[in-house]
Amino acid sequence: MAFLIRWLIAFVLLAATWNPTSYNYVRWATENWETQLPVTVLGGLILTVVYIVYLRATLRSIGPIGMALVAAVFAALIWVLIDWGWLQTGNSVVNQWLSILLASLVLGIGLSWSILRRRISGQVDIDDVDEE
């Protein structure tokens, strides 16, 4: 359940930032930045902070190579689904949502990896803290 929540937050974060519909921060900001600049900046800063939290946790947990491997596994899965005819490449809206889904899965797995690794191996990940 914890992974599902982390993944869902990542999906909402990515979809709120940009998606193929007209309901996203990027489109809203480009249309309203002149009239609502303070709100646009505030929204952008909030999104940036949440992205930094997710990306930093993911990079510390699985690293850039792990992120690339997780993305490659999901990309290969999409490739198999396309090869089997279950997905079509001609629909750009579906492709854009799949990209958001793939990126959110990478972030969700990255944020949950330490918990999963601890359950599998019994080892705990901790941050290195310098004692002064």
Protein backbone atom coordinates (compact mmCIF):
# COMPACT_ATOMS: atom_id res chain seq x y z
CA MET A 1 0.00 0.00 0.00
CA ALA A 2 2.88 2.39 0.78
CA PHE A 3 4.28 1.95 -2.75
CA LEU A 4 0.87 2.67 -4.25
CA ILE A 5 0.63 5.95 -2.35
CA ARG A 6 4.16 7.01 -3.36
CA TRP A 7 3.50 6.10 -6.98
CA LEU A 8 0.13 7.88 -6.98
CA ILE A 9 1.71 11.07 -5.61
CA ALA A 10 4.39 10.88 -8.33
CA PHE A 11 1.73 10.33 -11.00
CA VAL A 12 -0.35 13.28 -9.76
CA LEU A 13 2.79 15.45 -9.60
CA LEU A 14 3.76 14.65 -13.18
CA ALA A 15 0.21 14.89 -14.52
CA ALA A 16 -0.40 18.18 -12.70
CA THR A 17 2.77 19.60 -14.20
CA TRP A 18 1.99 18.52 -17.75
CA ASN A 19 -0.47 16.23 -19.49
CA PRO A 20 -2.19 16.12 -22.89
CA THR A 21 -5.35 17.78 -21.55
CA SER A 22 -5.75 21.49 -20.92
CA TYR A 23 -5.68 20.94 -17.15
CA ASN A 24 -1.99 21.23 -16.25
CA TYR A 25 0.40 23.72 -14.72
CA VAL A 26 2.49 24.33 -17.85
CA ARG A 27 -0.50 25.30 -19.98
CA TRP A 28 -2.08 27.33 -17.19
CA ALA A 29 1.19 29.16 -16.48
CA THR A 30 1.80 30.03 -20.13
CA GLU A 31 -1.72 31.42 -20.44
CA ASN A 32 -1.79 33.32 -17.13
CA TRP A 33 1.76 34.34 -16.25
CA GLU A 34 1.21 37.97 -17.26
CA THR A 35 -1.93 38.44 -15.18
CA GLN A 36 -1.12 36.08 -12.27
CA LEU A 37 2.67 36.13 -12.04
CA PRO A 38 2.91 35.71 -8.21
CA VAL A 39 0.62 32.66 -8.25
CA THR A 40 2.47 31.24 -11.25
CA VAL A 41 5.82 31.61 -9.49
CA LEU A 42 4.44 30.16 -6.24
CA GLY A 43 3.00 27.14 -8.07
CA GLY A 44 6.24 26.61 -9.95
CA LEU A 45 8.28 26.77 -6.75
CA ILE A 46 5.99 24.30 -4.98
CA LEU A 47 6.25 21.88 -7.90
CA THR A 48 10.03 22.34 -7.96
CA VAL A 49 10.34 21.53 -4.25
CA VAL A 50 8.27 18.35 -4.62
CA TYR A 51 10.29 17.33 -7.70
CA ILE A 52 13.54 17.86 -5.81
CA VAL A 53 12.30 15.70 -2.92
CA TYR A 54 11.23 12.90 -5.27
CA LEU A 55 14.30 13.07 -7.50
CA ARG A 56 16.76 13.31 -4.63
CA ALA A 57 15.17 10.35 -2.83
CA THR A 58 15.10 8.34 -6.05
CA LEU A 59 18.71 9.16 -6.92
CA ARG A 60 19.87 8.27 -3.39
CA SER A 61 17.87 5.06 -3.42
CA ILE A 62 18.51 3.55 -6.86
CA GLY A 63 20.86 6.05 -8.51
CA PRO A 64 20.90 7.16 -12.12
CA ILE A 65 21.75 3.67 -13.37
CA GLY A 66 18.85 2.21 -11.40
CA MET A 67 16.53 4.86 -12.77
CA ALA A 68 17.65 4.03 -16.30
CA LEU A 69 17.19 0.29 -15.69
CA VAL A 70 13.69 0.71 -14.25
CA ALA A 71 12.75 2.96 -17.17
CA ALA A 72 14.24 0.44 -19.62
CA VAL A 73 12.22 -2.42 -18.11
CA PHE A 74 8.96 -0.48 -18.41
CA ALA A 75 9.88 0.74 -21.90
CA ALA A 76 10.55 -2.88 -22.94
CA LEU A 77 7.17 -3.86 -21.48
CA ILE A 78 5.48 -1.16 -23.57
CA TRP A 79 7.43 -2.37 -26.60
CA VAL A 80 6.15 -5.92 -26.01
CA LEU A 81 2.57 -4.65 -25.69
CA ILE A 82 2.96 -2.74 -28.95
CA ASP A 83 4.49 -5.81 -30.63
CA TRP A 84 1.58 -7.97 -29.49
CA GLY A 85 -0.88 -5.41 -30.83
CA TRP A 86 -2.33 -4.45 -27.45
CA LEU A 87 -1.12 -0.85 -27.81
CA GLN A 88 -1.07 1.33 -30.91
CA THR A 89 1.66 3.86 -31.60
CA GLY A 90 -0.54 6.18 -33.64
CA ASN A 91 -2.41 7.69 -30.70
CA SER A 92 -0.24 10.51 -29.34
CA VAL A 93 -2.52 11.13 -26.34
CA VAL A 94 -2.11 7.53 -25.17
CA ASN A 95 1.64 7.75 -25.75
CA GLN A 96 1.85 10.92 -23.64
CA TRP A 97 -0.11 9.32 -20.79
CA LEU A 98 2.13 6.24 -21.02
CA SER A 99 5.17 8.49 -20.71
CA ILE A 100 3.71 10.08 -17.58
CA LEU A 101 2.91 6.62 -16.21
CA LEU A 102 6.43 5.36 -16.96
CA ALA A 103 8.10 8.37 -15.31
CA SER A 104 5.82 8.11 -12.27
CA LEU A 105 6.64 4.41 -11.90
CA VAL A 106 10.35 5.20 -11.97
CA LEU A 107 9.88 7.83 -9.24
CA GLY A 108 7.54 5.61 -7.21
CA ILE A 109 9.92 2.66 -7.33
CA GLY A 110 12.86 4.89 -6.50
CA LEU A 111 11.10 6.32 -3.49
CA SER A 112 10.02 2.88 -2.28
CA TRP A 113 13.20 0.95 -3.07
CA SER A 114 14.86 1.30 0.33
CA ILE A 115 11.74 -0.09 2.03
CA LEU A 116 11.52 -3.01 -0.40
CA ARG A 117 15.25 -3.72 -0.09
CA ARG A 118 15.02 -3.71 3.70
CA ARG A 119 12.14 -6.20 3.59
CA ILE A 120 13.98 -8.50 1.19
CA SER A 121 17.46 -8.36 2.69
CA GLY A 122 16.91 -7.24 6.26
CA GLN A 123 19.48 -4.47 5.78
CA VAL A 124 18.61 -0.90 6.60
CA ASP A 125 19.73 2.05 4.45
CA ILE A 126 20.78 5.13 6.39
CA ASP A 127 22.24 8.46 5.41
CA ASP A 128 25.86 9.05 6.23
CA VAL A 129 25.98 11.74 8.89
CA ASP A 130 29.24 13.43 9.84
CA GLU A 131 29.67 13.63 13.57
CA GLU A 132 31.40 16.81 14.65
